[in-house]
Amino acid sequence: MDNSRYRWVIVAAGGLLGCVAIGGMFSLPVLLQPITRDTGWSVAGVSSAMTIGFLAMAFGSMIWGTLSDRVGPRPVVLSGSIVIAASLALASRATSLIEFQLLFGLLVGGATAAIFAPLMACVTGWFDTHRGLAVSLVSAGMGMAPMTMSPLVAWLVSFHDWRTTMQIVAVIVAAIMIPVSLLVRRAPALAGGNAPASETGAAPAEMSLGEAVRSPQFVILLATNFFCCATHSGPIIHTVSYAISCGIPMLAAVSIYSVEGLAGLGGRVAFGLLGDRLGAKRVLVTGLLAQAFGALAYVFVRELAAFYAVAALFGFIYAGVMPLYAVLARENFPLKMMGTVIGGIAMAGSLGMATGPIAGGLIYDTFASYAWLYIGAWGMGIGAFLMALSFRPFPKAQAAPAPA
C-alpha cells in the first residue's frame, strides 16, 4: 500500500488505540461504587488511583515520547498496550488499597502515556497536507472513549462483579490494542532512521534536542497548554455538581456532560479543518479566547436548557483546540524529536488537568458556590490566550532557535 493511502491507516489505528487505552483507564469512575462496596476501601482512596494515573501520565509522556523518537512508535505503543492490559488484570486481583492504587494508578496511567504522545508524533510525520484534520481525527477517536468503553464497562458490571469486569476489560484491551499496534509504522521520512536534511515549515533538522527544549517556542507551548487545560479541567469535573446545586436532577445533570462530549467530537474535526485552512496558530489563539468566555458563561446559567447551550459551545471549543498543539509542534520542530516535544506538551496538559478537581473542591468548600471556579477558569483562559498570542514561529531559514 502506498504511503498516501497508508497514512489514513495510521490515523484509524491511532484513533482506535487511543479510544481503548483511555477507555481502560476511565473504567475506574464507572467501577468506583462497586469497588468500594465490595472492598470497604474509601471512595477517596479508590478515586486517588485516578489522580495517581494522571500524574503518571504527565511524567511518563515525555519519557515515552523520547523513547519513540529513538526506537520508533511501534515498540513503544506495543509495550504500552501490553502493560495496560496486564495492569488491569493485576489490579482486578488487588487485595489492599495501596496495591490497587499502584497497579491501577501508576501502571495503567504510566502505560497510557505510551499511547498518546508517540501516536500524535507519528501521525504528524505522515502528513504534509491535511495534518490538522489527521491529528484531530486521532484525537476524536480518543474522545470516543466515554461514549463507547464506559457504557460497555457499565453493562458488564451489571452482570459481573468488579473484579471479573476488570478482567474482561483487560482481555478486550489486549485483543484490540496488541494487534492494532502492529499497524503503526514510522513516518516515511524517518523510516531509514534519519531525519530529512530540511523540512518545509519547520525548524531546521540540525537543531539539537537541548536547543529545542530551551527555546522560547517550546516553553510557550508548554505554558499555553498547561493554562489551557487548567481552564477546562475544573468546569469538566465540577459542572455536574454545579448543575445539581442549581436544583437540576442528577440524571439530567449527567446528561450535560454527554452534550459537552458529543459537541467536542465535532469541535475536534472542525478545528482541524480550520487549522489546515487558516493556520494552526490563528485558530488556536481564537479558540483559546473563546474557551475563556465559554467557561465564564457557566456563572450565568441556572436552567437545564442554558446548561445544554453552554456545554455544547464549551465542549466544541475546548476539545477543538487540543489537537492544534501537535500541529504547531510539527510546524516548528524537527520531525526526529517530535515524540519528545509532543510528550512535553502532553505532560504540561496533564498537570493542568490535575489542578481542576482540587481547585474546584477547595473553592466550593470555602465559598459554598462554584462561581469563583468559573471566574478563575476565565482568568486561566485569558492567560492561555495571551501566551499563545506571544508564540513566534521559527524563521524558516534560521539555523538555530530564535533568541528570547
Protein backbone atom coordinates (compact mmCIF):
# COMPACT_ATOMS: atom_id res chain seq x y z
CA MET A 1 0.00 0.00 0.00
CA ASP A 2 1.42 3.42 -0.95
CA ASN A 3 2.20 5.99 1.71
CA SER A 4 -0.57 8.39 0.67
CA ARG A 5 -3.13 5.71 1.46
CA TYR A 6 -1.39 4.03 4.39
CA ARG A 7 -1.24 7.31 6.30
CA TRP A 8 -5.01 7.04 6.82
CA VAL A 9 -4.48 3.55 8.24
CA ILE A 10 -2.17 5.20 10.77
CA VAL A 11 -4.94 7.68 11.63
CA ALA A 12 -7.52 4.91 12.08
CA ALA A 13 -5.12 2.83 14.20
CA GLY A 14 -4.27 5.88 16.31
CA GLY A 15 -7.91 6.73 16.96
CA LEU A 16 -8.79 3.15 17.93
CA LEU A 17 -5.74 2.67 20.16
CA GLY A 18 -6.40 5.97 21.92
CA CYS A 19 -10.08 5.15 22.45
CA VAL A 20 -9.39 1.75 24.02
CA ALA A 21 -6.45 2.98 26.14
CA ILE A 22 -8.34 5.96 27.55
CA GLY A 23 -11.42 3.75 27.96
CA GLY A 24 -9.43 1.25 30.03
CA MET A 25 -8.19 3.98 32.34
CA PHE A 26 -11.60 5.63 32.60
CA SER A 27 -13.26 2.37 33.59
CA LEU A 28 -12.43 3.34 37.18
CA PRO A 29 -15.15 6.04 37.58
CA VAL A 30 -17.74 3.51 36.39
CA LEU A 31 -16.46 0.85 38.81
CA LEU A 32 -15.93 3.21 41.74
CA GLN A 33 -19.07 2.32 43.72
CA PRO A 34 -18.87 -1.46 43.12
CA ILE A 35 -15.22 -1.46 44.25
CA THR A 36 -15.89 0.49 47.45
CA ARG A 37 -18.94 -1.62 48.31
CA ASP A 38 -17.08 -4.89 47.83
CA THR A 39 -13.78 -3.99 49.49
CA GLY A 40 -14.69 -1.41 52.11
CA TRP A 41 -11.99 0.90 50.75
CA SER A 42 -12.87 4.60 50.93
CA VAL A 43 -14.20 6.45 47.91
CA ALA A 44 -11.37 8.96 48.27
CA GLY A 45 -8.81 6.15 48.42
CA VAL A 46 -10.08 4.40 45.29
CA SER A 47 -10.54 7.71 43.45
CA SER A 48 -6.97 8.69 44.24
CA ALA A 49 -5.85 5.92 41.90
CA MET A 50 -7.14 8.17 39.10
CA THR A 51 -5.14 11.12 40.42
CA ILE A 52 -2.03 8.93 40.54
CA GLY A 53 -2.87 7.86 36.99
CA PHE A 54 -2.96 11.46 35.74
CA LEU A 55 0.37 12.22 37.40
CA ALA A 56 1.90 9.05 35.95
CA MET A 57 0.61 10.09 32.51
CA ALA A 58 2.14 13.53 32.96
CA PHE A 59 5.60 12.35 33.91
CA GLY A 60 5.54 9.37 31.56
CA SER A 61 4.61 11.37 28.47
CA MET A 62 8.00 12.91 27.78
CA ILE A 63 9.84 9.67 28.62
CA TRP A 64 7.75 7.56 26.25
CA GLY A 65 7.84 10.31 23.62
CA THR A 66 11.64 10.48 23.71
CA LEU A 67 11.86 6.69 23.54
CA SER A 68 9.60 6.67 20.46
CA ASP A 69 12.00 9.11 18.77
CA ARG A 70 14.83 6.65 19.33
CA VAL A 71 13.27 3.25 18.64
CA GLY A 72 10.14 4.18 16.67
CA PRO A 73 6.49 4.36 17.72
CA ARG A 74 5.56 0.69 17.19
CA PRO A 75 7.66 -0.86 20.02
CA VAL A 76 6.55 1.91 22.40
CA VAL A 77 2.85 1.63 21.58
CA LEU A 78 3.01 -2.18 21.66
CA SER A 79 4.72 -2.10 25.08
CA GLY A 80 2.15 0.34 26.40
CA SER A 81 -0.70 -1.84 25.12
CA ILE A 82 0.68 -4.94 26.84
CA VAL A 83 1.27 -3.10 30.12
CA ILE A 84 -2.23 -1.55 30.16
CA ALA A 85 -3.86 -4.97 29.69
CA ALA A 86 -1.59 -6.68 32.24
CA SER A 87 -2.05 -3.89 34.80
CA LEU A 88 -5.84 -4.01 34.55
CA ALA A 89 -5.74 -7.77 35.07
CA LEU A 90 -3.40 -7.46 38.06
CA ALA A 91 -5.39 -4.58 39.59
CA SER A 92 -8.52 -6.76 39.48
CA ARG A 93 -6.79 -9.12 41.92
CA ALA A 94 -5.52 -6.44 44.32
CA THR A 95 -6.13 -7.28 47.98
CA SER A 96 -5.19 -3.93 49.52
CA LEU A 97 -5.89 -0.31 48.64
CA ILE A 98 -2.23 0.63 48.23
CA GLU A 99 -1.73 -2.34 45.91
CA PHE A 100 -4.72 -1.22 43.82
CA GLN A 101 -3.50 2.38 43.70
CA LEU A 102 -0.07 1.33 42.46
CA LEU A 103 -1.29 -1.24 39.93
CA PHE A 104 -4.13 0.83 38.50
CA GLY A 105 -2.84 4.35 39.04
CA LEU A 106 0.88 4.10 38.48
CA LEU A 107 0.98 1.32 35.87
CA VAL A 108 -2.21 1.93 33.88
CA GLY A 109 -1.65 5.70 33.91
CA GLY A 110 2.02 5.43 33.02
CA ALA A 111 1.33 2.96 30.21
CA THR A 112 -1.47 5.11 28.77
CA ALA A 113 1.13 7.84 28.30
CA ALA A 114 2.90 5.45 25.90
CA ILE A 115 -0.06 5.77 23.54
CA PHE A 116 -0.85 9.49 23.26
CA ALA A 117 2.41 11.35 22.55
CA PRO A 118 4.06 8.66 20.38
CA LEU A 119 0.92 8.28 18.24
CA MET A 120 0.41 12.02 17.83
CA ALA A 121 4.07 12.42 16.87
CA CYS A 122 3.80 9.53 14.44
CA VAL A 123 0.69 10.92 12.74
CA THR A 124 2.14 14.41 12.29
CA GLY A 125 5.12 12.86 10.50
CA TRP A 126 2.92 11.06 7.97
CA PHE A 127 1.11 14.21 6.80
CA ASP A 128 2.31 17.27 4.92
CA THR A 129 -1.24 18.13 3.83
CA HIS A 130 -4.42 17.67 5.89
CA ARG A 131 -2.22 17.46 9.00
CA GLY A 132 -4.71 19.31 11.20
CA LEU A 133 -7.56 17.04 10.12
CA ALA A 134 -5.48 13.88 10.67
CA VAL A 135 -4.41 14.83 14.19
CA SER A 136 -7.97 15.90 15.02
CA LEU A 137 -9.39 12.56 13.86
CA VAL A 138 -6.98 10.68 16.13
CA SER A 139 -7.96 12.98 18.98
CA ALA A 140 -11.65 12.41 18.17
CA GLY A 141 -11.07 8.67 18.44
CA MET A 142 -9.66 9.18 21.91
CA GLY A 143 -12.68 11.35 22.74
CA MET A 144 -14.99 8.45 21.87
CA ALA A 145 -13.89 6.51 24.96
CA PRO A 146 -16.58 7.89 27.33
CA MET A 147 -19.26 7.07 24.74
CA THR A 148 -18.05 3.54 23.92
CA MET A 149 -15.85 1.92 26.54
CA SER A 150 -17.57 3.48 29.57
CA PRO A 151 -21.07 2.21 28.63
CA LEU A 152 -19.53 -1.21 27.89
CA VAL A 153 -17.98 -1.32 31.36
CA ALA A 154 -21.29 -0.22 32.91
CA TRP A 155 -23.10 -3.02 31.06
CA LEU A 156 -20.51 -5.63 32.10
CA VAL A 157 -20.62 -4.69 35.78
CA SER A 158 -24.40 -5.08 35.78
CA PHE A 159 -23.82 -8.82 35.19
CA HIS A 160 -20.48 -9.42 36.92
CA ASP A 161 -18.60 -8.25 40.00
CA TRP A 162 -15.99 -5.51 39.54
CA ARG A 163 -13.05 -7.92 39.54
CA THR A 164 -14.47 -10.06 36.73
CA THR A 165 -15.48 -6.93 34.83
CA MET A 166 -11.97 -5.52 35.02
CA GLN A 167 -10.54 -8.85 33.85
CA ILE A 168 -12.89 -8.83 30.84
CA VAL A 169 -11.82 -5.25 30.06
CA ALA A 170 -8.18 -6.38 30.24
CA VAL A 171 -8.90 -9.11 27.67
CA ILE A 172 -10.70 -6.62 25.40
CA VAL A 173 -7.81 -4.16 25.67
CA ALA A 174 -5.28 -6.87 24.79
CA ALA A 175 -7.38 -8.31 21.95
CA ILE A 176 -7.77 -4.91 20.26
CA MET A 177 -4.66 -2.93 21.12
CA ILE A 178 -1.91 -5.51 20.63
CA PRO A 179 -2.83 -6.41 17.01
CA VAL A 180 -3.67 -2.81 16.06
CA SER A 181 -0.37 -1.52 17.47
CA LEU A 182 1.41 -3.70 14.90
CA LEU A 183 -0.08 -1.49 12.16
CA VAL A 184 1.81 1.54 13.47
CA ARG A 185 4.83 2.48 11.36
CA ARG A 186 7.41 5.24 11.45
CA ALA A 187 6.83 8.16 9.13
CA PRO A 188 8.44 7.50 5.71
CA ALA A 189 10.89 10.39 6.23
CA LEU A 190 12.26 8.59 9.31
CA ALA A 191 11.88 5.01 8.10
CA GLY A 192 15.62 4.77 7.45
CA GLY A 193 16.39 6.07 10.93
CA ASN A 194 17.42 9.58 9.90
CA ALA A 195 15.52 12.84 9.74
CA PRO A 196 15.41 14.62 6.40
CA ALA A 197 18.01 17.31 5.89
CA SER A 198 15.41 20.03 5.71
CA GLU A 199 11.72 20.22 6.44
CA THR A 200 9.26 22.63 4.94
CA GLY A 201 7.70 24.91 7.51
CA ALA A 202 9.72 23.52 10.44
CA ALA A 203 12.86 24.48 12.28
CA PRO A 204 15.95 23.00 10.59
CA ALA A 205 16.77 19.36 11.23
CA GLU A 206 20.21 20.22 12.67
CA MET A 207 18.61 21.82 15.76
CA SER A 208 19.65 19.79 18.80
CA LEU A 209 17.19 18.50 21.36
CA GLY A 210 18.76 20.74 24.01
CA GLU A 211 18.26 23.80 21.81
CA ALA A 212 14.67 22.78 21.18
CA VAL A 213 13.62 22.31 24.81
CA ARG A 214 15.34 25.55 25.85
CA SER A 215 13.73 27.57 23.07
CA PRO A 216 11.04 30.17 23.88
CA GLN A 217 8.77 28.41 21.38
CA PHE A 218 8.82 25.14 23.36
CA VAL A 219 8.39 26.89 26.71
CA ILE A 220 5.44 28.93 25.40
CA LEU A 221 3.73 25.80 24.03
CA LEU A 222 4.10 24.05 27.40
CA ALA A 223 2.84 27.04 29.38
CA THR A 224 -0.06 27.62 26.99
CA ASN A 225 -1.20 24.00 27.19
CA PHE A 226 -0.92 23.98 30.99
CA PHE A 227 -3.15 27.04 31.33
CA CYS A 228 -5.45 25.82 28.58
CA CYS A 229 -6.05 22.51 30.38
CA ALA A 230 -6.34 24.26 33.75
CA THR A 231 -9.08 26.37 32.13
CA HIS A 232 -11.32 23.46 31.20
CA SER A 233 -10.35 20.93 33.87
CA GLY A 234 -12.45 22.46 36.66
CA PRO A 235 -15.54 23.03 34.50
CA ILE A 236 -15.36 19.47 33.12
CA ILE A 237 -15.05 17.86 36.56
CA HIS A 238 -17.45 20.06 38.56
CA THR A 239 -20.22 21.16 36.18
CA VAL A 240 -22.43 18.17 37.02
CA SER A 241 -22.16 19.02 40.73
CA TYR A 242 -22.81 22.69 39.94
CA ALA A 243 -25.95 21.80 37.98
CA ILE A 244 -27.22 19.62 40.85
CA SER A 245 -26.62 22.53 43.25
CA CYS A 246 -28.84 24.62 40.95
CA GLY A 247 -31.69 22.15 41.51
CA ILE A 248 -31.32 20.07 38.34
CA PRO A 249 -31.96 16.32 38.87
CA MET A 250 -28.90 14.08 38.82
CA LEU A 251 -29.67 12.18 35.60
CA ALA A 252 -30.34 15.41 33.75
CA ALA A 253 -27.17 16.93 35.20
CA VAL A 254 -25.08 13.98 34.00
CA SER A 255 -26.54 14.43 30.51
CA ILE A 256 -24.90 17.90 30.40
CA TYR A 257 -21.54 16.15 30.37
CA SER A 258 -22.72 13.94 27.49
CA VAL A 259 -23.73 17.01 25.47
CA GLU A 260 -20.30 18.51 26.11
CA GLY A 261 -18.60 15.31 24.94
CA LEU A 262 -20.67 14.97 21.76
CA ALA A 263 -20.06 18.61 20.85
CA GLY A 264 -16.36 18.03 21.41
CA LEU A 265 -16.22 15.37 18.69
CA GLY A 266 -17.49 17.90 16.16
CA GLY A 267 -15.14 20.54 17.54
CA ARG A 268 -12.05 18.39 17.02
CA VAL A 269 -12.83 17.83 13.34
CA ALA A 270 -13.98 21.41 12.69
CA PHE A 271 -10.92 22.99 14.32
CA GLY A 272 -8.65 20.55 12.45
CA LEU A 273 -10.14 21.61 9.12
CA LEU A 274 -9.92 25.29 10.08
CA GLY A 275 -6.32 24.83 11.18
CA ASP A 276 -5.43 23.38 7.78
CA ARG A 277 -7.13 26.27 6.00
CA LEU A 278 -6.33 29.28 8.21
CA GLY A 279 -3.22 28.17 10.09
CA ALA A 280 -2.92 26.34 13.41
CA LYS A 281 -1.72 29.33 15.44
CA ARG A 282 -4.50 31.66 14.31
CA VAL A 283 -7.21 29.09 15.05
CA LEU A 284 -5.63 28.15 18.40
CA VAL A 285 -5.42 31.78 19.58
CA THR A 286 -9.04 32.45 18.61
CA GLY A 287 -10.18 29.20 20.21
CA LEU A 288 -8.41 29.92 23.49
CA LEU A 289 -10.09 33.32 23.78
CA ALA A 290 -13.48 31.75 23.07
CA GLN A 291 -12.77 28.97 25.60
CA ALA A 292 -12.13 31.53 28.36
CA PHE A 293 -15.51 33.19 27.84
CA GLY A 294 -17.20 29.81 27.41
CA ALA A 295 -16.02 28.87 30.92
CA LEU A 296 -17.21 32.21 32.29
CA ALA A 297 -20.66 31.69 30.74
CA TYR A 298 -21.39 28.92 33.26
CA VAL A 299 -21.60 31.57 36.01
CA PHE A 300 -24.77 32.94 34.41
CA VAL A 301 -26.74 29.71 33.82
CA ARG A 302 -29.26 28.08 36.15
CA GLU A 303 -31.74 26.22 33.90
CA LEU A 304 -31.13 22.93 32.10
CA ALA A 305 -31.60 24.39 28.60
CA ALA A 306 -29.00 27.07 29.32
CA PHE A 307 -26.60 24.44 30.69
CA TYR A 308 -27.01 22.44 27.47
CA ALA A 309 -26.29 25.51 25.32
CA VAL A 310 -23.15 26.48 27.22
CA ALA A 311 -21.96 22.86 27.45
CA ALA A 312 -22.31 22.40 23.69
CA LEU A 313 -20.36 25.59 22.99
CA PHE A 314 -17.71 24.95 25.63
CA GLY A 315 -17.21 21.29 24.64
CA PHE A 316 -16.96 22.22 20.95
CA ILE A 317 -14.23 24.77 21.69
CA TYR A 318 -12.05 23.09 24.33
CA ALA A 319 -11.95 19.76 22.51
CA GLY A 320 -11.29 21.54 19.23
CA VAL A 321 -8.20 23.44 20.34
CA MET A 322 -6.39 20.46 21.87
CA PRO A 323 -5.08 18.74 18.70
CA LEU A 324 -3.70 22.03 17.36
CA TYR A 325 -0.74 21.90 19.76
CA ALA A 326 0.61 18.83 17.94
CA VAL A 327 0.22 20.60 14.59
CA LEU A 328 2.10 23.67 15.86
CA ALA A 329 4.84 21.43 17.24
CA ARG A 330 5.24 19.68 13.89
CA GLU A 331 5.40 23.02 12.06
CA ASN A 332 8.17 24.34 14.31
CA PHE A 333 10.39 21.47 15.42
CA PRO A 334 12.31 18.75 13.55
CA LEU A 335 10.48 15.51 12.94
CA LYS A 336 13.27 13.49 14.60
CA MET A 337 12.35 14.89 18.05
CA MET A 338 8.57 15.09 17.65
CA GLY A 339 7.89 12.45 20.32
CA THR A 340 9.86 14.40 22.93
CA VAL A 341 8.27 17.74 22.01
CA ILE A 342 4.68 16.45 21.95
CA GLY A 343 5.41 14.40 25.08
CA GLY A 344 6.47 17.58 26.87
CA ILE A 345 3.33 19.38 25.74
CA ALA A 346 1.20 16.43 26.90
CA MET A 347 2.99 16.46 30.28
CA ALA A 348 2.11 20.13 30.78
CA GLY A 349 -1.51 19.45 29.79
CA SER A 350 -1.85 16.55 32.23
CA LEU A 351 -0.51 18.71 35.07
CA GLY A 352 -3.02 21.41 34.09
CA MET A 353 -5.83 18.85 34.17
CA ALA A 354 -4.77 17.82 37.68
CA THR A 355 -5.50 21.32 39.02
CA GLY A 356 -9.24 21.39 38.33
CA PRO A 357 -10.57 18.75 40.74
CA ILE A 358 -8.59 20.14 43.68
CA ALA A 359 -9.24 23.82 42.93
CA GLY A 360 -12.97 23.28 42.40
CA GLY A 361 -13.33 21.37 45.66
CA LEU A 362 -11.43 23.99 47.67
CA ILE A 363 -13.42 26.85 46.15
CA TYR A 364 -16.76 25.19 46.85
CA ASP A 365 -15.78 24.26 50.40
CA THR A 366 -14.68 27.87 51.05
CA PHE A 367 -17.47 29.84 49.35
CA ALA A 368 -20.31 27.27 49.14
CA SER A 369 -20.51 28.32 45.48
CA TYR A 370 -18.85 27.38 42.21
CA ALA A 371 -18.89 30.92 40.78
CA TRP A 372 -15.23 31.59 41.57
CA LEU A 373 -14.23 28.31 39.90
CA TYR A 374 -15.57 29.57 36.57
CA ILE A 375 -14.24 33.09 37.10
CA GLY A 376 -10.84 31.60 37.89
CA ALA A 377 -11.09 29.38 34.78
CA TRP A 378 -11.80 32.51 32.74
CA GLY A 379 -8.61 34.08 34.13
CA MET A 380 -6.61 30.95 33.28
CA GLY A 381 -8.12 31.01 29.80
CA ILE A 382 -7.12 34.63 29.22
CA GLY A 383 -3.60 33.70 30.33
CA ALA A 384 -3.51 30.84 27.80
CA PHE A 385 -4.77 33.21 25.08
CA LEU A 386 -2.06 35.78 25.79
CA MET A 387 0.66 33.13 25.85
CA ALA A 388 -0.46 31.68 22.53
CA LEU A 389 -0.59 35.19 21.09
CA SER A 390 3.09 35.65 22.01
CA PHE A 391 4.16 32.49 20.16
CA ARG A 392 6.51 33.28 17.28
CA PRO A 393 7.33 30.51 14.77
CA PHE A 394 10.95 29.83 13.97
CA PRO A 395 12.14 31.70 10.85
CA LYS A 396 12.33 29.06 8.13
CA ALA A 397 15.84 29.92 7.02
CA GLN A 398 17.25 30.02 10.52
CA ALA A 399 19.85 27.53 11.67
CA ALA A 400 19.23 27.83 15.41
CA PRO A 401 16.39 28.70 17.76
CA ALA A 402 15.34 32.32 17.86
CA PRO A 403 16.58 34.25 20.92
CA ALA A 404 14.10 35.29 23.55
